[in-house]
Amino acid sequence: MGTLYLDRKDLELRHEGKHLCLYENGAKSGTVPISLIDRVVIRGAVTLTSGAIGALTEEGIGLVLLSGRHGRHMATVLGRPQGDAWRRIGQYRWYHDAGYRARWARTLVLLKLRAQHRMLTRALLERPDCRKPLTDAQGSLMELIGKVQALPAEAGALPSLRGLEGAGAAAHFGAMQSLFPPALGFTGRNRRPPRDPVNAVLSLAYTLLHFEAIAACHAGGLDPYIGFYHEPAYNRESLAADLIEPLRAHIDGWVWRLFADRVLRDDHFTSSGDACLLGKAGRERFYSAFEIRCRPLRRLLRRQVHGIATRLKEDHDANGSAAA
């Protein structure tokens, strides 16, 4: 199964033996073996018993809670972390290394710009009618890639890198507008709240991908709050934000296909004030599709975290040997 999605009112989740059991109005409505679950995503009015929460954390199963109406991230509960404290100590040391942060940021922005360029290249193969906006954006992205490559990998380059990344996002989403029918009202990225169906789906997908990055950091013994490109900020998992930046274009292309293939349609959405809301039928389709799309991205996140942890261990071992 991998992920258990609970998105129904008045559900209760209990722990019974080696299973998680779902109850509705006091009657058992379903049973899932804990051994089949890697993570649980809950949206809305679902009750968890203390036994269920304890079983999830004991088994290292991540839990993410989303608000019922807008699907905003409310809380994350994770199991026991990887226990090597030296990894986190080394991570904090790397954060204070301006040269390392600059090299990390430069690589991250290059990866993101290249991923955006590849996404638009794939789109152009299927939508030659959008050649002008897509090729214009590709040209802008290639120019930005050249500028990033020309920047020195030093601390003073961070503001410039952020500016170039922002320009890339503007070009990327500007071109994406042409891929969606005008009826969807997508004119670029907006959020808090998302005001059109495309942004509603992008926001939900980014939220779930961010959770996957947090879980990967936790399992790998890294502090998700200490990033190297995103500055530390209150209640922001900056390393998780770093890790998903190059993956956002994968989500963007996938969201385009959800609408192009009519997996999601305009009638799956409703409006509430300025907010566009994905309805229950649409969310069911979204969760099924996201679980398939996210599998390779989860593996990539785990590999990225493992690579960082390995380099931190090598750095610690080298420093320890030098000190001895």
C-alpha atoms as a PDB file:
ATOM      1  CA  MET A   1       0.000   0.000   0.000  1.00  0.00           C
ATOM      2  CA  GLY A   2       2.683   2.516   0.972  1.00  0.00           C
ATOM      3  CA  THR A   3       0.444   5.464   1.862  1.00  0.00           C
ATOM      4  CA  LEU A   4      -2.867   5.357   3.719  1.00  0.00           C
ATOM      5  CA  TYR A   5      -5.002   8.369   2.791  1.00  0.00           C
ATOM      6  CA  LEU A   6      -7.870   9.195   5.172  1.00  0.00           C
ATOM      7  CA  ASP A   7     -10.127  11.895   3.763  1.00  0.00           C
ATOM      8  CA  ARG A   8     -13.602  11.311   5.130  1.00  0.00           C
ATOM      9  CA  LYS A   9     -15.542  12.969   7.923  1.00  0.00           C
ATOM     10  CA  ASP A  10     -16.088  11.312  11.291  1.00  0.00           C
ATOM     11  CA  LEU A  11     -13.571   8.493  10.880  1.00  0.00           C
ATOM     12  CA  GLU A  12     -11.763   7.065  13.892  1.00  0.00           C
ATOM     13  CA  LEU A  13      -8.404   5.308  13.577  1.00  0.00           C
ATOM     14  CA  ARG A  14      -7.575   2.718  16.234  1.00  0.00           C
ATOM     15  CA  HIS A  15      -4.683   0.341  16.810  1.00  0.00           C
ATOM     16  CA  GLU A  16      -5.607  -3.302  17.296  1.00  0.00           C
ATOM     17  CA  GLY A  17      -2.802  -5.838  17.401  1.00  0.00           C
ATOM     18  CA  LYS A  18      -0.868  -5.634  14.155  1.00  0.00           C
ATOM     19  CA  HIS A  19      -3.534  -3.630  12.390  1.00  0.00           C
ATOM     20  CA  LEU A  20      -4.928  -0.140  12.089  1.00  0.00           C
ATOM     21  CA  CYS A  21      -8.715  -0.251  12.169  1.00  0.00           C
ATOM     22  CA  LEU A  22     -11.145   2.310  10.797  1.00  0.00           C
ATOM     23  CA  TYR A  23     -14.408   2.985  12.602  1.00  0.00           C
ATOM     24  CA  GLU A  24     -17.412   4.960  11.406  1.00  0.00           C
ATOM     25  CA  ASN A  25     -20.178   5.762  13.870  1.00  0.00           C
ATOM     26  CA  GLY A  26     -18.738   3.198  16.267  1.00  0.00           C
ATOM     27  CA  ALA A  27     -18.730   0.352  13.744  1.00  0.00           C
ATOM     28  CA  LYS A  28     -15.568  -1.090  12.193  1.00  0.00           C
ATOM     29  CA  SER A  29     -15.440  -0.281   8.481  1.00  0.00           C
ATOM     30  CA  GLY A  30     -11.938  -1.360   7.499  1.00  0.00           C
ATOM     31  CA  THR A  31      -8.663  -2.933   8.623  1.00  0.00           C
ATOM     32  CA  VAL A  32      -5.152  -2.330   7.320  1.00  0.00           C
ATOM     33  CA  PRO A  33      -2.040  -4.295   8.400  1.00  0.00           C
ATOM     34  CA  ILE A  34       0.535  -1.897   9.843  1.00  0.00           C
ATOM     35  CA  SER A  35       3.267  -3.749   7.957  1.00  0.00           C
ATOM     36  CA  LEU A  36       1.841  -2.480   4.653  1.00  0.00           C
ATOM     37  CA  ILE A  37       1.919   1.203   5.613  1.00  0.00           C
ATOM     38  CA  ASP A  38       4.847   3.583   5.212  1.00  0.00           C
ATOM     39  CA  ARG A  39       2.981   6.850   5.816  1.00  0.00           C
ATOM     40  CA  VAL A  40      -0.499   8.163   6.686  1.00  0.00           C
ATOM     41  CA  VAL A  41      -2.049  11.323   5.239  1.00  0.00           C
ATOM     42  CA  ILE A  42      -5.111  12.645   7.086  1.00  0.00           C
ATOM     43  CA  ARG A  43      -7.361  15.441   5.923  1.00  0.00           C
ATOM     44  CA  GLY A  44     -10.243  16.798   7.928  1.00  0.00           C
ATOM     45  CA  ALA A  45     -12.181  15.467  10.904  1.00  0.00           C
ATOM     46  CA  VAL A  46     -10.469  12.150  11.649  1.00  0.00           C
ATOM     47  CA  THR A  47      -9.964  10.982  15.235  1.00  0.00           C
ATOM     48  CA  LEU A  48      -6.786   9.095  16.201  1.00  0.00           C
ATOM     49  CA  THR A  49      -6.544   7.156  19.425  1.00  0.00           C
ATOM     50  CA  SER A  50      -3.377   7.460  21.477  1.00  0.00           C
ATOM     51  CA  GLY A  51      -2.704   3.796  20.703  1.00  0.00           C
ATOM     52  CA  ALA A  52      -2.822   4.480  16.971  1.00  0.00           C
ATOM     53  CA  ILE A  53      -0.417   7.422  17.270  1.00  0.00           C
ATOM     54  CA  GLY A  54       1.922   5.336  19.422  1.00  0.00           C
ATOM     55  CA  ALA A  55       1.874   2.445  16.963  1.00  0.00           C
ATOM     56  CA  LEU A  56       2.654   4.743  14.025  1.00  0.00           C
ATOM     57  CA  THR A  57       5.608   6.371  15.763  1.00  0.00           C
ATOM     58  CA  GLU A  58       6.905   3.040  17.087  1.00  0.00           C
ATOM     59  CA  GLU A  59       6.915   1.598  13.569  1.00  0.00           C
ATOM     60  CA  GLY A  60       8.510   4.726  12.089  1.00  0.00           C
ATOM     61  CA  ILE A  61       5.413   5.535  10.023  1.00  0.00           C
ATOM     62  CA  GLY A  62       5.115   9.215   9.158  1.00  0.00           C
ATOM     63  CA  LEU A  63       1.850  11.043   9.712  1.00  0.00           C
ATOM     64  CA  VAL A  64       0.854  14.318   8.054  1.00  0.00           C
ATOM     65  CA  LEU A  65      -2.275  16.269   8.977  1.00  0.00           C
ATOM     66  CA  LEU A  66      -3.950  18.599   6.480  1.00  0.00           C
ATOM     67  CA  SER A  67      -6.759  21.043   7.194  1.00  0.00           C
ATOM     68  CA  GLY A  68     -10.101  19.806   5.983  1.00  0.00           C
ATOM     69  CA  ARG A  69     -11.178  22.785   3.909  1.00  0.00           C
ATOM     70  CA  HIS A  70      -8.061  24.137   2.240  1.00  0.00           C
ATOM     71  CA  GLY A  71      -5.684  21.194   2.627  1.00  0.00           C
ATOM     72  CA  ARG A  72      -2.977  23.270   4.285  1.00  0.00           C
ATOM     73  CA  HIS A  73      -0.263  21.473   6.208  1.00  0.00           C
ATOM     74  CA  MET A  74      -1.118  21.532   9.909  1.00  0.00           C
ATOM     75  CA  ALA A  75       1.248  19.066  11.587  1.00  0.00           C
ATOM     76  CA  THR A  76       3.715  16.266  10.959  1.00  0.00           C
ATOM     77  CA  VAL A  77       4.372  13.353  13.302  1.00  0.00           C
ATOM     78  CA  LEU A  78       7.400  11.158  12.665  1.00  0.00           C
ATOM     79  CA  GLY A  79       8.830   8.085  14.303  1.00  0.00           C
ATOM     80  CA  ARG A  80      12.218   7.694  15.910  1.00  0.00           C
ATOM     81  CA  PRO A  81      14.973   9.465  13.973  1.00  0.00           C
ATOM     82  CA  GLN A  82      18.259   7.999  12.867  1.00  0.00           C
ATOM     83  CA  GLY A  83      20.389   8.191  16.003  1.00  0.00           C
ATOM     84  CA  ASP A  84      23.779   9.475  14.789  1.00  0.00           C
ATOM     85  CA  ALA A  85      24.019  12.936  16.387  1.00  0.00           C
ATOM     86  CA  TRP A  86      27.306  13.634  14.577  1.00  0.00           C
ATOM     87  CA  ARG A  87      25.391  13.967  11.327  1.00  0.00           C
ATOM     88  CA  ARG A  88      23.407  16.886  12.684  1.00  0.00           C
ATOM     89  CA  ILE A  89      26.495  18.433  14.259  1.00  0.00           C
ATOM     90  CA  GLY A  90      28.241  18.223  10.901  1.00  0.00           C
ATOM     91  CA  GLN A  91      25.171  19.665   9.180  1.00  0.00           C
ATOM     92  CA  TYR A  92      25.250  22.720  11.469  1.00  0.00           C
ATOM     93  CA  ARG A  93      28.956  23.148  10.716  1.00  0.00           C
ATOM     94  CA  TRP A  94      28.252  23.041   6.974  1.00  0.00           C
ATOM     95  CA  TYR A  95      25.558  25.689   7.413  1.00  0.00           C
ATOM     96  CA  HIS A  96      28.207  28.061   8.822  1.00  0.00           C
ATOM     97  CA  ASP A  97      30.540  27.293   5.900  1.00  0.00           C
ATOM     98  CA  ALA A  98      29.720  30.076   3.423  1.00  0.00           C
ATOM     99  CA  GLY A  99      31.665  28.406   0.618  1.00  0.00           C
ATOM    100  CA  TYR A 100      29.798  25.122   1.003  1.00  0.00           C
ATOM    101  CA  ARG A 101      26.436  26.886   1.050  1.00  0.00           C
ATOM    102  CA  ALA A 102      27.299  28.785  -2.129  1.00  0.00           C
ATOM    103  CA  ARG A 103      28.320  25.601  -3.946  1.00  0.00           C
ATOM    104  CA  TRP A 104      25.171  23.815  -2.766  1.00  0.00           C
ATOM    105  CA  ALA A 105      22.953  26.719  -3.851  1.00  0.00           C
ATOM    106  CA  ARG A 106      24.583  26.978  -7.267  1.00  0.00           C
ATOM    107  CA  THR A 107      24.070  23.258  -7.896  1.00  0.00           C
ATOM    108  CA  LEU A 108      20.487  23.389  -6.647  1.00  0.00           C
ATOM    109  CA  VAL A 109      19.493  26.300  -8.876  1.00  0.00           C
ATOM    110  CA  LEU A 110      21.144  24.695 -11.909  1.00  0.00           C
ATOM    111  CA  LEU A 111      19.267  21.449 -11.292  1.00  0.00           C
ATOM    112  CA  LYS A 112      15.977  23.305 -10.983  1.00  0.00           C
ATOM    113  CA  LEU A 113      16.464  25.378 -14.139  1.00  0.00           C
ATOM    114  CA  ARG A 114      17.483  22.313 -16.140  1.00  0.00           C
ATOM    115  CA  ALA A 115      14.470  20.374 -14.862  1.00  0.00           C
ATOM    116  CA  GLN A 116      12.177  23.217 -15.921  1.00  0.00           C
ATOM    117  CA  HIS A 117      13.787  23.272 -19.360  1.00  0.00           C
ATOM    118  CA  ARG A 118      13.284  19.497 -19.743  1.00  0.00           C
ATOM    119  CA  MET A 119       9.655  19.758 -18.677  1.00  0.00           C
ATOM    120  CA  LEU A 120       8.971  22.404 -21.335  1.00  0.00           C
ATOM    121  CA  THR A 121      10.838  20.319 -23.939  1.00  0.00           C
ATOM    122  CA  ARG A 122       8.538  17.363 -23.254  1.00  0.00           C
ATOM    123  CA  ALA A 123       5.509  19.635 -23.384  1.00  0.00           C
ATOM    124  CA  LEU A 124       6.603  21.022 -26.756  1.00  0.00           C
ATOM    125  CA  LEU A 125       6.599  17.518 -28.253  1.00  0.00           C
ATOM    126  CA  GLU A 126       2.924  17.145 -27.375  1.00  0.00           C
ATOM    127  CA  ARG A 127       1.829  20.748 -27.881  1.00  0.00           C
ATOM    128  CA  PRO A 128       3.507  22.169 -31.001  1.00  0.00           C
ATOM    129  CA  ASP A 129       0.626  24.676 -31.094  1.00  0.00           C
ATOM    130  CA  CYS A 130       2.264  26.318 -28.045  1.00  0.00           C
ATOM    131  CA  ARG A 131       5.676  26.575 -29.704  1.00  0.00           C
ATOM    132  CA  LYS A 132       6.125  30.328 -29.300  1.00  0.00           C
ATOM    133  CA  PRO A 133       5.628  30.633 -25.507  1.00  0.00           C
ATOM    134  CA  LEU A 134       7.410  27.344 -24.826  1.00  0.00           C
ATOM    135  CA  THR A 135      10.474  28.078 -26.952  1.00  0.00           C
ATOM    136  CA  ASP A 136      10.676  31.637 -25.621  1.00  0.00           C
ATOM    137  CA  ALA A 137      10.746  30.267 -22.074  1.00  0.00           C
ATOM    138  CA  GLN A 138      13.316  27.643 -23.027  1.00  0.00           C
ATOM    139  CA  GLY A 139      15.537  30.370 -24.390  1.00  0.00           C
ATOM    140  CA  SER A 140      15.172  32.368 -21.181  1.00  0.00           C
ATOM    141  CA  LEU A 141      15.990  29.312 -19.082  1.00  0.00           C
ATOM    142  CA  MET A 142      19.099  28.538 -21.123  1.00  0.00           C
ATOM    143  CA  GLU A 143      20.265  32.125 -20.688  1.00  0.00           C
ATOM    144  CA  LEU A 144      19.700  31.861 -16.934  1.00  0.00           C
ATOM    145  CA  ILE A 145      21.596  28.562 -16.800  1.00  0.00           C
ATOM    146  CA  GLY A 146      24.546  30.279 -18.430  1.00  0.00           C
ATOM    147  CA  LYS A 147      24.417  33.107 -15.904  1.00  0.00           C
ATOM    148  CA  VAL A 148      24.339  30.659 -12.984  1.00  0.00           C
ATOM    149  CA  GLN A 149      27.293  28.754 -14.404  1.00  0.00           C
ATOM    150  CA  ALA A 150      29.222  32.011 -14.723  1.00  0.00           C
ATOM    151  CA  LEU A 151      28.646  32.978 -11.090  1.00  0.00           C
ATOM    152  CA  PRO A 152      31.514  32.249  -8.702  1.00  0.00           C
ATOM    153  CA  ALA A 153      30.663  29.697  -6.011  1.00  0.00           C
ATOM    154  CA  GLU A 154      31.099  32.093  -3.140  1.00  0.00           C
ATOM    155  CA  ALA A 155      28.889  33.436  -0.376  1.00  0.00           C
ATOM    156  CA  GLY A 156      28.192  36.728  -2.131  1.00  0.00           C
ATOM    157  CA  ALA A 157      26.518  34.869  -4.990  1.00  0.00           C
ATOM    158  CA  LEU A 158      23.516  33.699  -2.922  1.00  0.00           C
ATOM    159  CA  PRO A 159      21.319  36.798  -3.546  1.00  0.00           C
ATOM    160  CA  SER A 160      22.097  36.627  -7.270  1.00  0.00           C
ATOM    161  CA  LEU A 161      21.251  32.929  -7.356  1.00  0.00           C
ATOM    162  CA  ARG A 162      17.903  33.590  -5.726  1.00  0.00           C
ATOM    163  CA  GLY A 163      17.189  36.291  -8.270  1.00  0.00           C
ATOM    164  CA  LEU A 164      18.047  33.982 -11.163  1.00  0.00           C
ATOM    165  CA  GLU A 165      15.922  31.212  -9.690  1.00  0.00           C
ATOM    166  CA  GLY A 166      12.991  33.622  -9.405  1.00  0.00           C
ATOM    167  CA  ALA A 167      13.428  34.696 -13.021  1.00  0.00           C
ATOM    168  CA  GLY A 168      13.430  31.028 -14.034  1.00  0.00           C
ATOM    169  CA  ALA A 169      10.184  30.395 -12.159  1.00  0.00           C
ATOM    170  CA  ALA A 170       8.572  33.397 -13.863  1.00  0.00           C
ATOM    171  CA  ALA A 171       9.601  32.128 -17.323  1.00  0.00           C
ATOM    172  CA  HIS A 172       8.572  28.553 -16.515  1.00  0.00           C
ATOM    173  CA  PHE A 173       5.094  29.355 -15.207  1.00  0.00           C
ATOM    174  CA  GLY A 174       4.601  31.980 -17.877  1.00  0.00           C
ATOM    175  CA  ALA A 175       5.043  29.270 -20.503  1.00  0.00           C
ATOM    176  CA  MET A 176       2.900  26.784 -18.582  1.00  0.00           C
ATOM    177  CA  GLN A 177      -0.080  29.132 -18.927  1.00  0.00           C
ATOM    178  CA  SER A 178      -0.320  28.208 -22.592  1.00  0.00           C
ATOM    179  CA  LEU A 179      -0.704  24.491 -21.778  1.00  0.00           C
ATOM    180  CA  PHE A 180      -3.979  24.855 -19.877  1.00  0.00           C
ATOM    181  CA  PRO A 181      -7.371  25.856 -21.281  1.00  0.00           C
ATOM    182  CA  PRO A 182      -8.353  29.446 -20.447  1.00  0.00           C
ATOM    183  CA  ALA A 183     -11.423  28.164 -18.566  1.00  0.00           C
ATOM    184  CA  LEU A 184      -9.157  26.949 -15.757  1.00  0.00           C
ATOM    185  CA  GLY A 185      -8.039  30.521 -15.097  1.00  0.00           C
ATOM    186  CA  PHE A 186      -4.349  29.650 -14.656  1.00  0.00           C
ATOM    187  CA  THR A 187      -2.275  32.779 -15.173  1.00  0.00           C
ATOM    188  CA  GLY A 188       0.746  31.875 -13.049  1.00  0.00           C
ATOM    189  CA  ARG A 189       1.603  30.629  -9.604  1.00  0.00           C
ATOM    190  CA  ASN A 190      -0.535  31.835  -6.681  1.00  0.00           C
ATOM    191  CA  ARG A 191      -1.199  30.407  -3.224  1.00  0.00           C
ATOM    192  CA  ARG A 192      -2.523  31.021   0.288  1.00  0.00           C
ATOM    193  CA  PRO A 193      -5.123  30.487  -0.962  1.00  0.00           C
ATOM    194  CA  PRO A 194      -4.740  29.082  -4.477  1.00  0.00           C
ATOM    195  CA  ARG A 195      -7.254  30.845  -6.699  1.00  0.00           C
ATOM    196  CA  ASP A 196      -7.675  28.427  -9.605  1.00  0.00           C
ATOM    197  CA  PRO A 197      -7.793  24.635 -10.109  1.00  0.00           C
ATOM    198  CA  VAL A 198      -4.207  24.313 -11.350  1.00  0.00           C
ATOM    199  CA  ASN A 199      -2.768  26.154  -8.366  1.00  0.00           C
ATOM    200  CA  ALA A 200      -4.994  24.190  -5.973  1.00  0.00           C
ATOM    201  CA  VAL A 201      -3.463  20.947  -7.247  1.00  0.00           C
ATOM    202  CA  LEU A 202       0.072  22.329  -7.357  1.00  0.00           C
ATOM    203  CA  SER A 203      -0.208  23.463  -3.737  1.00  0.00           C
ATOM    204  CA  LEU A 204      -1.486  20.097  -2.520  1.00  0.00           C
ATOM    205  CA  ALA A 205       1.186  18.196  -4.465  1.00  0.00           C
ATOM    206  CA  TYR A 206       3.993  20.467  -3.219  1.00  0.00           C
ATOM    207  CA  THR A 207       2.725  20.061   0.358  1.00  0.00           C
ATOM    208  CA  LEU A 208       2.834  16.273   0.151  1.00  0.00           C
ATOM    209  CA  LEU A 209       6.235  16.284  -1.565  1.00  0.00           C
ATOM    210  CA  HIS A 210       7.568  18.585   1.170  1.00  0.00           C
ATOM    211  CA  PHE A 211       6.371  16.054   3.747  1.00  0.00           C
ATOM    212  CA  GLU A 212       8.268  13.320   1.898  1.00  0.00           C
ATOM    213  CA  ALA A 213      11.430  15.407   2.114  1.00  0.00           C
ATOM    214  CA  ILE A 214      10.920  15.978   5.852  1.00  0.00           C
ATOM    215  CA  ALA A 215      10.453  12.241   6.375  1.00  0.00           C
ATOM    216  CA  ALA A 216      13.578  11.443   4.335  1.00  0.00           C
ATOM    217  CA  CYS A 217      15.647  13.902   6.400  1.00  0.00           C
ATOM    218  CA  HIS A 218      14.288  12.469   9.635  1.00  0.00           C
ATOM    219  CA  ALA A 219      15.022   8.882   8.612  1.00  0.00           C
ATOM    220  CA  GLY A 220      18.522   9.880   7.470  1.00  0.00           C
ATOM    221  CA  GLY A 221      19.445  11.614  10.704  1.00  0.00           C
ATOM    222  CA  LEU A 222      19.440  15.148   9.287  1.00  0.00           C
ATOM    223  CA  ASP A 223      17.749  18.226  10.712  1.00  0.00           C
ATOM    224  CA  PRO A 224      15.061  19.233   8.185  1.00  0.00           C
ATOM    225  CA  TYR A 225      15.050  22.810   9.555  1.00  0.00           C
ATOM    226  CA  ILE A 226      18.694  23.576   8.678  1.00  0.00           C
ATOM    227  CA  GLY A 227      19.019  24.109   4.940  1.00  0.00           C
ATOM    228  CA  PHE A 228      21.846  25.537   2.902  1.00  0.00           C
ATOM    229  CA  TYR A 229      19.952  27.486   0.214  1.00  0.00           C
ATOM    230  CA  HIS A 230      16.763  28.463   2.055  1.00  0.00           C
ATOM    231  CA  GLU A 231      17.571  30.546   5.094  1.00  0.00           C
ATOM    232  CA  PRO A 232      16.375  29.255   8.461  1.00  0.00           C
ATOM    233  CA  ALA A 233      12.954  30.672   9.327  1.00  0.00           C
ATOM    234  CA  TYR A 234      10.491  29.993  12.104  1.00  0.00           C
ATOM    235  CA  ASN A 235       8.520  26.801  11.502  1.00  0.00           C
ATOM    236  CA  ARG A 236      10.058  26.208   8.044  1.00  0.00           C
ATOM    237  CA  GLU A 237      11.883  22.992   7.232  1.00  0.00           C
ATOM    238  CA  SER A 238      14.542  24.676   5.120  1.00  0.00           C
ATOM    239  CA  LEU A 239      16.525  21.554   4.174  1.00  0.00           C
ATOM    240  CA  ALA A 240      13.334  19.850   3.023  1.00  0.00           C
ATOM    241  CA  ALA A 241      12.571  22.968   0.967  1.00  0.00           C
ATOM    242  CA  ASP A 242      16.078  22.761  -0.535  1.00  0.00           C
ATOM    243  CA  LEU A 243      15.654  19.125  -1.498  1.00  0.00           C
ATOM    244  CA  ILE A 244      12.363  19.520  -3.344  1.00  0.00           C
ATOM    245  CA  GLU A 245      13.353  22.554  -5.433  1.00  0.00           C
ATOM    246  CA  PRO A 246      14.812  20.480  -8.314  1.00  0.00           C
ATOM    247  CA  LEU A 247      11.756  18.176  -8.145  1.00  0.00           C
ATOM    248  CA  ARG A 248       9.091  20.838  -8.521  1.00  0.00           C
ATOM    249  CA  ALA A 249       9.227  20.748 -12.326  1.00  0.00           C
ATOM    250  CA  HIS A 250       8.468  17.008 -12.187  1.00  0.00           C
ATOM    251  CA  ILE A 251       5.313  17.845 -10.251  1.00  0.00           C
ATOM    252  CA  ASP A 252       4.455  20.704 -12.612  1.00  0.00           C
ATOM    253  CA  GLY A 253       4.576  18.441 -15.655  1.00  0.00           C
ATOM    254  CA  TRP A 254       2.560  15.768 -13.882  1.00  0.00           C
ATOM    255  CA  VAL A 255      -0.137  18.272 -12.878  1.00  0.00           C
ATOM    256  CA  TRP A 256      -0.380  19.420 -16.489  1.00  0.00           C
ATOM    257  CA  ARG A 257      -0.970  15.809 -17.553  1.00  0.00           C
ATOM    258  CA  LEU A 258      -3.682  15.346 -14.901  1.00  0.00           C
ATOM    259  CA  PHE A 259      -5.715  18.052 -16.592  1.00  0.00           C
ATOM    260  CA  ALA A 260      -4.696  17.194 -20.162  1.00  0.00           C
ATOM    261  CA  ASP A 261      -5.732  13.559 -19.656  1.00  0.00           C
ATOM    262  CA  ARG A 262      -8.960  14.606 -17.903  1.00  0.00           C
ATOM    263  CA  VAL A 263      -8.036  12.808 -14.707  1.00  0.00           C
ATOM    264  CA  LEU A 264      -9.011  16.089 -13.071  1.00  0.00           C
ATOM    265  CA  ARG A 265     -11.694  18.320 -14.559  1.00  0.00           C
ATOM    266  CA  ASP A 266     -13.143  21.721 -13.833  1.00  0.00           C
ATOM    267  CA  ASP A 267     -16.199  20.114 -12.188  1.00  0.00           C
ATOM    268  CA  HIS A 268     -13.954  18.572  -9.505  1.00  0.00           C
ATOM    269  CA  PHE A 269     -13.421  22.064  -8.050  1.00  0.00           C
ATOM    270  CA  THR A 270     -15.504  24.591  -6.168  1.00  0.00           C
ATOM    271  CA  SER A 271     -14.887  28.175  -5.055  1.00  0.00           C
ATOM    272  CA  SER A 272     -15.094  29.652  -1.571  1.00  0.00           C
ATOM    273  CA  GLY A 273     -14.360  33.357  -1.569  1.00  0.00           C
ATOM    274  CA  ASP A 274     -10.964  33.774  -3.236  1.00  0.00           C
ATOM    275  CA  ALA A 275     -10.018  30.118  -2.699  1.00  0.00           C
ATOM    276  CA  CYS A 276     -10.355  27.301  -5.209  1.00  0.00           C
ATOM    277  CA  LEU A 277     -11.065  23.970  -3.518  1.00  0.00           C
ATOM    278  CA  LEU A 278     -10.528  20.447  -4.840  1.00  0.00           C
ATOM    279  CA  GLY A 279     -13.635  18.404  -4.055  1.00  0.00           C
ATOM    280  CA  LYS A 280     -13.760  14.926  -2.576  1.00  0.00           C
ATOM    281  CA  ALA A 281     -14.151  13.087  -5.899  1.00  0.00           C
ATOM    282  CA  GLY A 282     -11.207  15.012  -7.314  1.00  0.00           C
ATOM    283  CA  ARG A 283      -9.085  14.345  -4.223  1.00  0.00           C
ATOM    284  CA  GLU A 284      -9.655  10.613  -4.559  1.00  0.00           C
ATOM    285  CA  ARG A 285      -8.353  10.758  -8.119  1.00  0.00           C
ATOM    286  CA  PHE A 286      -5.477  12.979  -7.061  1.00  0.00           C
ATOM    287  CA  TYR A 287      -4.304  10.681  -4.243  1.00  0.00           C
ATOM    288  CA  SER A 288      -4.285   7.612  -6.488  1.00  0.00           C
ATOM    289  CA  ALA A 289      -2.297   9.389  -9.184  1.00  0.00           C
ATOM    290  CA  PHE A 290       0.070  11.080  -6.720  1.00  0.00           C
ATOM    291  CA  GLU A 291       0.989   7.796  -5.055  1.00  0.00           C
ATOM    292  CA  ILE A 292       2.207   6.446  -8.396  1.00  0.00           C
ATOM    293  CA  ARG A 293       4.033   9.638  -9.399  1.00  0.00           C
ATOM    294  CA  CYS A 294       5.700  10.103  -6.041  1.00  0.00           C
ATOM    295  CA  ARG A 295       7.370   6.681  -5.817  1.00  0.00           C
ATOM    296  CA  PRO A 296      10.463   7.556  -7.895  1.00  0.00           C
ATOM    297  CA  LEU A 297      10.656  10.975  -6.230  1.00  0.00           C
ATOM    298  CA  ARG A 298      10.707   9.335  -2.794  1.00  0.00           C
ATOM    299  CA  ARG A 299      13.574   7.111  -3.882  1.00  0.00           C
ATOM    300  CA  LEU A 300      15.436  10.144  -5.198  1.00  0.00           C
ATOM    301  CA  LEU A 301      14.930  12.025  -1.929  1.00  0.00           C
ATOM    302  CA  ARG A 302      16.247   9.054   0.054  1.00  0.00           C
ATOM    303  CA  ARG A 303      19.317   8.863  -2.191  1.00  0.00           C
ATOM    304  CA  GLN A 304      19.954  12.586  -1.789  1.00  0.00           C
ATOM    305  CA  VAL A 305      19.732  12.373   2.000  1.00  0.00           C
ATOM    306  CA  HIS A 306      21.910   9.258   2.051  1.00  0.00           C
ATOM    307  CA  GLY A 307      24.517  11.083  -0.041  1.00  0.00           C
ATOM    308  CA  ILE A 308      24.551  14.047   2.349  1.00  0.00           C
ATOM    309  CA  ALA A 309      24.766  11.747   5.380  1.00  0.00           C
ATOM    310  CA  THR A 310      27.626   9.792   3.805  1.00  0.00           C
ATOM    311  CA  ARG A 311      29.610  12.964   3.115  1.00  0.00           C
ATOM    312  CA  LEU A 312      28.949  14.191   6.655  1.00  0.00           C
ATOM    313  CA  LYS A 313      30.292  10.917   8.067  1.00  0.00           C
ATOM    314  CA  GLU A 314      33.375  11.103   5.844  1.00  0.00           C
ATOM    315  CA  ASP A 315      33.910  14.705   6.938  1.00  0.00           C
ATOM    316  CA  HIS A 316      33.567  13.752  10.614  1.00  0.00           C
ATOM    317  CA  ASP A 317      35.896  10.768  10.247  1.00  0.00           C
ATOM    318  CA  ALA A 318      38.491  12.916   8.476  1.00  0.00           C
ATOM    319  CA  ASN A 319      38.279  15.667  11.107  1.00  0.00           C
ATOM    320  CA  GLY A 320      38.413  13.105  13.880  1.00  0.00           C
ATOM    321  CA  SER A 321      41.516  11.489  12.408  1.00  0.00           C
ATOM    322  CA  ALA A 322      43.155  14.907  11.971  1.00  0.00           C
ATOM    323  CA  ALA A 323      42.382  15.825  15.572  1.00  0.00           C
ATOM    324  CA  ALA A 324      43.836  12.534  16.807  1.00  0.00           C
END
